[in-house]
Amino acid sequence: MLDIALPKGRLGEKVYALLKDAGYGCREFEEGGRKLIFTNPDAGVRYFWVKPSDVAVYVERGAADAGVVGKDIIAESSPDVYEMADLGFGRCDMCVAAKKDFKDPEGRPLRVATKFPNVAGAYYASISRDIDIIKLHGSIEIAPLLGLSDVIVDIVETGATLRENGLFVYEKILPISARFITNKASSKFKPDEIGRMLSGIRSRLS
């Protein structure tokens, strides 16, 4: 039996459709309702819904053998898991964005507002730029408009929200998409089961 952590929402539904197509369907899952755990003994799989940001925690700590999580979460939290496949869902970019007239200020740290302090810190360390990170949890786009920050580091899909708020992409720093991850111990003790699931996934993605 493989325990699979699915992120709640549209991404999880897309992932389930892919796994179903690969032979891991679950009638109990498709019946809906308020249940959070769904099992199909015949297919040897058990699914459970979790908050997207928690998927990697369940997989890293062994409550799940595998799961699907955005590359942004992997880059930010660096979970001790194996990243096995890029599913290609939810493609977007982690970007630096700023007002159109932005100029990098000299003589002081760059003020960076973000929900992803580790990603931002790693990027600016790679270009040897001192920064002052301002961690926010929402409405990142207004930080430069109100003078709280010089730039933001955030996920950008279409850029529409940025443009509506007078911001523009200054630099793309990391491509984002959904990744299939596995627990390291599970990869050692359930290699055949995980291997079959991965083969099924990859055959549907090619």
C-alpha atoms as a PDB file:
ATOM      1  CA  MET A   1       0.000   0.000   0.000  1.00  0.00           C
ATOM      2  CA  LEU A   2       1.312   3.433  -0.987  1.00  0.00           C
ATOM      3  CA  ASP A   3       0.163   6.448   1.021  1.00  0.00           C
ATOM      4  CA  ILE A   4      -0.107   9.516  -1.209  1.00  0.00           C
ATOM      5  CA  ALA A   5      -0.507  13.071   0.098  1.00  0.00           C
ATOM      6  CA  LEU A   6      -2.540  15.195  -2.317  1.00  0.00           C
ATOM      7  CA  PRO A   7      -2.694  19.004  -2.073  1.00  0.00           C
ATOM      8  CA  LYS A   8      -6.235  20.258  -1.568  1.00  0.00           C
ATOM      9  CA  GLY A   9      -7.699  22.144  -4.503  1.00  0.00           C
ATOM     10  CA  ARG A  10      -7.393  22.104  -8.267  1.00  0.00           C
ATOM     11  CA  LEU A  11      -3.801  20.880  -8.255  1.00  0.00           C
ATOM     12  CA  GLY A  12      -4.733  17.822  -6.203  1.00  0.00           C
ATOM     13  CA  GLU A  13      -7.644  17.083  -8.529  1.00  0.00           C
ATOM     14  CA  LYS A  14      -5.326  17.250 -11.555  1.00  0.00           C
ATOM     15  CA  VAL A  15      -2.825  14.966  -9.863  1.00  0.00           C
ATOM     16  CA  TYR A  16      -5.534  12.456  -8.968  1.00  0.00           C
ATOM     17  CA  ALA A  17      -6.765  12.436 -12.582  1.00  0.00           C
ATOM     18  CA  LEU A  18      -3.204  11.677 -13.711  1.00  0.00           C
ATOM     19  CA  LEU A  19      -2.818   8.869 -11.174  1.00  0.00           C
ATOM     20  CA  LYS A  20      -6.206   7.437 -12.073  1.00  0.00           C
ATOM     21  CA  ASP A  21      -5.166   7.355 -15.710  1.00  0.00           C
ATOM     22  CA  ALA A  22      -2.023   5.524 -14.613  1.00  0.00           C
ATOM     23  CA  GLY A  23      -4.121   2.809 -12.939  1.00  0.00           C
ATOM     24  CA  TYR A  24      -4.472   4.203  -9.426  1.00  0.00           C
ATOM     25  CA  GLY A  25      -8.100   5.229  -9.371  1.00  0.00           C
ATOM     26  CA  CYS A  26     -10.162   5.182  -6.191  1.00  0.00           C
ATOM     27  CA  ARG A  27     -13.971   5.087  -6.297  1.00  0.00           C
ATOM     28  CA  GLU A  28     -14.166   6.207  -2.680  1.00  0.00           C
ATOM     29  CA  PHE A  29     -12.238   9.354  -3.615  1.00  0.00           C
ATOM     30  CA  GLU A  30     -14.543  10.158  -6.516  1.00  0.00           C
ATOM     31  CA  GLU A  31     -17.659   9.898  -4.357  1.00  0.00           C
ATOM     32  CA  GLY A  32     -16.577  13.109  -2.640  1.00  0.00           C
ATOM     33  CA  GLY A  33     -17.953  14.111   0.740  1.00  0.00           C
ATOM     34  CA  ARG A  34     -16.034  15.409   3.704  1.00  0.00           C
ATOM     35  CA  LYS A  35     -13.687  12.462   4.168  1.00  0.00           C
ATOM     36  CA  LEU A  36      -9.983  13.177   4.020  1.00  0.00           C
ATOM     37  CA  ILE A  37      -8.629   9.629   3.549  1.00  0.00           C
ATOM     38  CA  PHE A  38      -9.563   7.342   0.640  1.00  0.00           C
ATOM     39  CA  THR A  39      -8.401   3.778   0.054  1.00  0.00           C
ATOM     40  CA  ASN A  40      -8.337   1.363  -2.882  1.00  0.00           C
ATOM     41  CA  PRO A  41      -6.790  -1.912  -1.691  1.00  0.00           C
ATOM     42  CA  ASP A  42      -6.996  -3.415  -5.190  1.00  0.00           C
ATOM     43  CA  ALA A  43      -4.764  -0.682  -6.601  1.00  0.00           C
ATOM     44  CA  GLY A  44      -2.610  -0.679  -3.468  1.00  0.00           C
ATOM     45  CA  VAL A  45      -3.062   3.022  -2.812  1.00  0.00           C
ATOM     46  CA  ARG A  46      -4.415   5.305  -0.111  1.00  0.00           C
ATOM     47  CA  TYR A  47      -4.914   9.016  -0.751  1.00  0.00           C
ATOM     48  CA  PHE A  48      -5.379  11.809   1.740  1.00  0.00           C
ATOM     49  CA  TRP A  49      -6.019  15.520   1.352  1.00  0.00           C
ATOM     50  CA  VAL A  50      -3.701  17.986   3.095  1.00  0.00           C
ATOM     51  CA  LYS A  51      -2.986  21.687   2.848  1.00  0.00           C
ATOM     52  CA  PRO A  52      -0.553  22.232  -0.076  1.00  0.00           C
ATOM     53  CA  SER A  53       2.139  23.703   2.157  1.00  0.00           C
ATOM     54  CA  ASP A  54       1.947  20.629   4.427  1.00  0.00           C
ATOM     55  CA  VAL A  55       2.459  17.937   1.760  1.00  0.00           C
ATOM     56  CA  ALA A  56       6.241  17.969   2.075  1.00  0.00           C
ATOM     57  CA  VAL A  57       5.995  17.658   5.871  1.00  0.00           C
ATOM     58  CA  TYR A  58       3.863  14.506   5.620  1.00  0.00           C
ATOM     59  CA  VAL A  59       6.246  13.003   3.073  1.00  0.00           C
ATOM     60  CA  GLU A  60       9.453  13.977   4.853  1.00  0.00           C
ATOM     61  CA  ARG A  61       8.258  12.536   8.167  1.00  0.00           C
ATOM     62  CA  GLY A  62       6.980   9.296   6.655  1.00  0.00           C
ATOM     63  CA  ALA A  63       3.239   9.769   7.143  1.00  0.00           C
ATOM     64  CA  ALA A  64       3.060   9.611   3.341  1.00  0.00           C
ATOM     65  CA  ASP A  65       5.227   7.620   0.960  1.00  0.00           C
ATOM     66  CA  ALA A  66       4.832  10.219  -1.762  1.00  0.00           C
ATOM     67  CA  GLY A  67       3.049  13.432  -2.609  1.00  0.00           C
ATOM     68  CA  VAL A  68       2.853  16.354  -4.965  1.00  0.00           C
ATOM     69  CA  VAL A  69       4.087  19.815  -4.034  1.00  0.00           C
ATOM     70  CA  GLY A  70       5.041  23.025  -5.796  1.00  0.00           C
ATOM     71  CA  LYS A  71       8.707  23.716  -6.474  1.00  0.00           C
ATOM     72  CA  ASP A  72       8.273  26.976  -4.546  1.00  0.00           C
ATOM     73  CA  ILE A  73       7.599  25.040  -1.340  1.00  0.00           C
ATOM     74  CA  ILE A  74      10.548  22.720  -1.959  1.00  0.00           C
ATOM     75  CA  ALA A  75      12.857  25.672  -2.571  1.00  0.00           C
ATOM     76  CA  GLU A  76      11.629  27.549   0.493  1.00  0.00           C
ATOM     77  CA  SER A  77      11.556  24.739   3.067  1.00  0.00           C
ATOM     78  CA  SER A  78      14.219  22.343   1.667  1.00  0.00           C
ATOM     79  CA  PRO A  79      12.460  19.160   2.876  1.00  0.00           C
ATOM     80  CA  ASP A  80      14.579  16.017   3.153  1.00  0.00           C
ATOM     81  CA  VAL A  81      12.794  14.137   0.358  1.00  0.00           C
ATOM     82  CA  TYR A  82      13.514  12.871  -3.138  1.00  0.00           C
ATOM     83  CA  GLU A  83      12.216  15.028  -5.986  1.00  0.00           C
ATOM     84  CA  MET A  84      11.309  12.403  -8.571  1.00  0.00           C
ATOM     85  CA  ALA A  85       9.367  14.048 -11.403  1.00  0.00           C
ATOM     86  CA  ASP A  86       8.246  17.392 -12.765  1.00  0.00           C
ATOM     87  CA  LEU A  87       4.526  16.993 -13.482  1.00  0.00           C
ATOM     88  CA  GLY A  88       4.338  20.236 -15.429  1.00  0.00           C
ATOM     89  CA  PHE A  89       1.170  21.417 -13.675  1.00  0.00           C
ATOM     90  CA  GLY A  90       0.844  24.996 -12.487  1.00  0.00           C
ATOM     91  CA  ARG A  91       3.800  26.403 -14.380  1.00  0.00           C
ATOM     92  CA  CYS A  92       4.818  29.891 -13.290  1.00  0.00           C
ATOM     93  CA  ASP A  93       7.921  31.718 -12.094  1.00  0.00           C
ATOM     94  CA  MET A  94       9.364  33.072  -8.890  1.00  0.00           C
ATOM     95  CA  CYS A  95      10.221  36.646  -9.769  1.00  0.00           C
ATOM     96  CA  VAL A  96      11.593  39.900  -8.493  1.00  0.00           C
ATOM     97  CA  ALA A  97       9.066  42.646  -9.228  1.00  0.00           C
ATOM     98  CA  ALA A  98       9.175  46.383  -8.683  1.00  0.00           C
ATOM     99  CA  LYS A  99       7.727  49.676  -9.830  1.00  0.00           C
ATOM    100  CA  LYS A 100       8.577  50.679 -13.399  1.00  0.00           C
ATOM    101  CA  ASP A 101      10.965  53.425 -12.268  1.00  0.00           C
ATOM    102  CA  PHE A 102      12.843  51.117  -9.864  1.00  0.00           C
ATOM    103  CA  LYS A 103      16.585  51.643  -9.495  1.00  0.00           C
ATOM    104  CA  ASP A 104      18.639  49.520  -7.144  1.00  0.00           C
ATOM    105  CA  PRO A 105      19.597  51.878  -4.298  1.00  0.00           C
ATOM    106  CA  GLU A 106      23.273  52.252  -3.513  1.00  0.00           C
ATOM    107  CA  GLY A 107      24.755  52.391  -0.056  1.00  0.00           C
ATOM    108  CA  ARG A 108      22.119  50.420   1.798  1.00  0.00           C
ATOM    109  CA  PRO A 109      20.540  46.939   1.813  1.00  0.00           C
ATOM    110  CA  LEU A 110      17.773  46.351  -0.701  1.00  0.00           C
ATOM    111  CA  ARG A 111      14.415  46.052   1.045  1.00  0.00           C
ATOM    112  CA  VAL A 112      12.682  42.876  -0.161  1.00  0.00           C
ATOM    113  CA  ALA A 113       9.090  42.002   0.754  1.00  0.00           C
ATOM    114  CA  THR A 114       8.241  38.332   0.284  1.00  0.00           C
ATOM    115  CA  LYS A 115       6.468  35.211   1.498  1.00  0.00           C
ATOM    116  CA  PHE A 116       9.607  33.277   0.548  1.00  0.00           C
ATOM    117  CA  PRO A 117      12.520  34.612   2.660  1.00  0.00           C
ATOM    118  CA  ASN A 118      14.774  31.614   2.046  1.00  0.00           C
ATOM    119  CA  VAL A 119      14.325  31.717  -1.727  1.00  0.00           C
ATOM    120  CA  ALA A 120      14.880  35.479  -1.767  1.00  0.00           C
ATOM    121  CA  GLY A 121      17.883  35.210   0.526  1.00  0.00           C
ATOM    122  CA  ALA A 122      19.518  32.510  -1.591  1.00  0.00           C
ATOM    123  CA  TYR A 123      18.981  34.459  -4.801  1.00  0.00           C
ATOM    124  CA  TYR A 124      20.451  37.705  -3.523  1.00  0.00           C
ATOM    125  CA  ALA A 125      23.330  35.865  -1.833  1.00  0.00           C
ATOM    126  CA  SER A 126      24.152  34.358  -5.239  1.00  0.00           C
ATOM    127  CA  ILE A 127      24.585  37.858  -6.679  1.00  0.00           C
ATOM    128  CA  SER A 128      26.283  39.214  -3.531  1.00  0.00           C
ATOM    129  CA  ARG A 129      23.591  41.789  -2.770  1.00  0.00           C
ATOM    130  CA  ASP A 130      22.843  42.734   0.828  1.00  0.00           C
ATOM    131  CA  ILE A 131      19.131  42.735   1.565  1.00  0.00           C
ATOM    132  CA  ASP A 132      16.676  43.506   4.328  1.00  0.00           C
ATOM    133  CA  ILE A 133      13.934  40.865   4.142  1.00  0.00           C
ATOM    134  CA  ILE A 134      10.418  41.893   5.129  1.00  0.00           C
ATOM    135  CA  LYS A 135       8.309  38.765   5.495  1.00  0.00           C
ATOM    136  CA  LEU A 136       4.659  39.217   4.630  1.00  0.00           C
ATOM    137  CA  HIS A 137       1.801  36.734   4.350  1.00  0.00           C
ATOM    138  CA  GLY A 138      -0.406  38.425   1.787  1.00  0.00           C
ATOM    139  CA  SER A 139      -0.973  41.492  -0.414  1.00  0.00           C
ATOM    140  CA  ILE A 140       2.721  41.513  -1.270  1.00  0.00           C
ATOM    141  CA  GLU A 141       2.111  43.788  -4.261  1.00  0.00           C
ATOM    142  CA  ILE A 142       1.294  46.849  -2.165  1.00  0.00           C
ATOM    143  CA  ALA A 143       4.593  46.833  -0.249  1.00  0.00           C
ATOM    144  CA  PRO A 144       6.560  48.855  -2.867  1.00  0.00           C
ATOM    145  CA  LEU A 145       3.564  51.121  -3.482  1.00  0.00           C
ATOM    146  CA  LEU A 146       3.469  52.140   0.180  1.00  0.00           C
ATOM    147  CA  GLY A 147       7.241  52.456   0.498  1.00  0.00           C
ATOM    148  CA  LEU A 148       7.585  49.413   2.737  1.00  0.00           C
ATOM    149  CA  SER A 149       9.968  47.710   0.306  1.00  0.00           C
ATOM    150  CA  ASP A 150      11.983  48.408  -2.822  1.00  0.00           C
ATOM    151  CA  VAL A 151      11.023  45.145  -4.520  1.00  0.00           C
ATOM    152  CA  ILE A 152       9.004  42.000  -3.927  1.00  0.00           C
ATOM    153  CA  VAL A 153       9.863  38.348  -4.536  1.00  0.00           C
ATOM    154  CA  ASP A 154       6.754  36.363  -5.353  1.00  0.00           C
ATOM    155  CA  ILE A 155       5.188  33.806  -7.677  1.00  0.00           C
ATOM    156  CA  VAL A 156       4.029  35.243 -10.987  1.00  0.00           C
ATOM    157  CA  GLU A 157       1.769  33.362 -13.372  1.00  0.00           C
ATOM    158  CA  THR A 158       0.313  35.835 -15.873  1.00  0.00           C
ATOM    159  CA  GLY A 159       1.571  39.080 -14.358  1.00  0.00           C
ATOM    160  CA  ALA A 160      -1.918  40.607 -14.455  1.00  0.00           C
ATOM    161  CA  THR A 161      -2.022  41.372 -10.728  1.00  0.00           C
ATOM    162  CA  LEU A 162       1.371  43.052 -10.917  1.00  0.00           C
ATOM    163  CA  ARG A 163       0.368  45.216 -13.854  1.00  0.00           C
ATOM    164  CA  GLU A 164      -2.895  46.226 -12.195  1.00  0.00           C
ATOM    165  CA  ASN A 165      -0.861  47.476  -9.262  1.00  0.00           C
ATOM    166  CA  GLY A 166       1.771  49.276 -11.305  1.00  0.00           C
ATOM    167  CA  LEU A 167       4.503  46.656 -10.880  1.00  0.00           C
ATOM    168  CA  PHE A 168       6.636  44.873 -13.439  1.00  0.00           C
ATOM    169  CA  VAL A 169       8.797  41.750 -13.469  1.00  0.00           C
ATOM    170  CA  TYR A 170      12.395  42.805 -12.925  1.00  0.00           C
ATOM    171  CA  GLU A 171      13.987  39.355 -12.876  1.00  0.00           C
ATOM    172  CA  LYS A 172      12.857  35.715 -13.142  1.00  0.00           C
ATOM    173  CA  ILE A 173      14.748  33.698 -10.560  1.00  0.00           C
ATOM    174  CA  LEU A 174      13.144  30.236 -10.394  1.00  0.00           C
ATOM    175  CA  PRO A 175      10.734  28.249 -12.598  1.00  0.00           C
ATOM    176  CA  ILE A 176       7.872  26.748 -10.585  1.00  0.00           C
ATOM    177  CA  SER A 177       5.710  23.685 -11.261  1.00  0.00           C
ATOM    178  CA  ALA A 178       4.263  20.703  -9.398  1.00  0.00           C
ATOM    179  CA  ARG A 179       6.777  18.009  -8.400  1.00  0.00           C
ATOM    180  CA  PHE A 180       6.243  14.382  -7.384  1.00  0.00           C
ATOM    181  CA  ILE A 181       8.259  13.741  -4.226  1.00  0.00           C
ATOM    182  CA  THR A 182       8.925  10.584  -2.216  1.00  0.00           C
ATOM    183  CA  ASN A 183       9.971   9.763   1.320  1.00  0.00           C
ATOM    184  CA  LYS A 184      13.575   8.575   1.411  1.00  0.00           C
ATOM    185  CA  ALA A 185      12.870   5.492   3.536  1.00  0.00           C
ATOM    186  CA  SER A 186       9.878   4.557   1.368  1.00  0.00           C
ATOM    187  CA  SER A 187      12.064   4.776  -1.722  1.00  0.00           C
ATOM    188  CA  LYS A 188      14.355   2.233  -0.082  1.00  0.00           C
ATOM    189  CA  PHE A 189      11.733  -0.154   1.307  1.00  0.00           C
ATOM    190  CA  LYS A 190       9.024   0.180  -1.369  1.00  0.00           C
ATOM    191  CA  PRO A 191      11.116   0.635  -4.528  1.00  0.00           C
ATOM    192  CA  ASP A 192       8.955  -1.589  -6.744  1.00  0.00           C
ATOM    193  CA  GLU A 193       5.666   0.061  -5.774  1.00  0.00           C
ATOM    194  CA  ILE A 194       7.058   3.571  -6.158  1.00  0.00           C
ATOM    195  CA  GLY A 195       8.827   2.609  -9.371  1.00  0.00           C
ATOM    196  CA  ARG A 196       5.605   1.324 -10.927  1.00  0.00           C
ATOM    197  CA  MET A 197       3.735   4.473  -9.963  1.00  0.00           C
ATOM    198  CA  LEU A 198       6.488   6.675 -11.370  1.00  0.00           C
ATOM    199  CA  SER A 199       6.558   4.708 -14.615  1.00  0.00           C
ATOM    200  CA  GLY A 200       2.807   5.148 -14.945  1.00  0.00           C
ATOM    201  CA  ILE A 201       3.081   8.876 -14.298  1.00  0.00           C
ATOM    202  CA  ARG A 202       5.943   9.389 -16.738  1.00  0.00           C
ATOM    203  CA  SER A 203       4.206   7.439 -19.486  1.00  0.00           C
ATOM    204  CA  ARG A 204       1.229   9.812 -19.220  1.00  0.00           C
ATOM    205  CA  LEU A 205       3.430  12.916 -19.244  1.00  0.00           C
ATOM    206  CA  SER A 206       5.488  12.012 -22.315  1.00  0.00           C
END
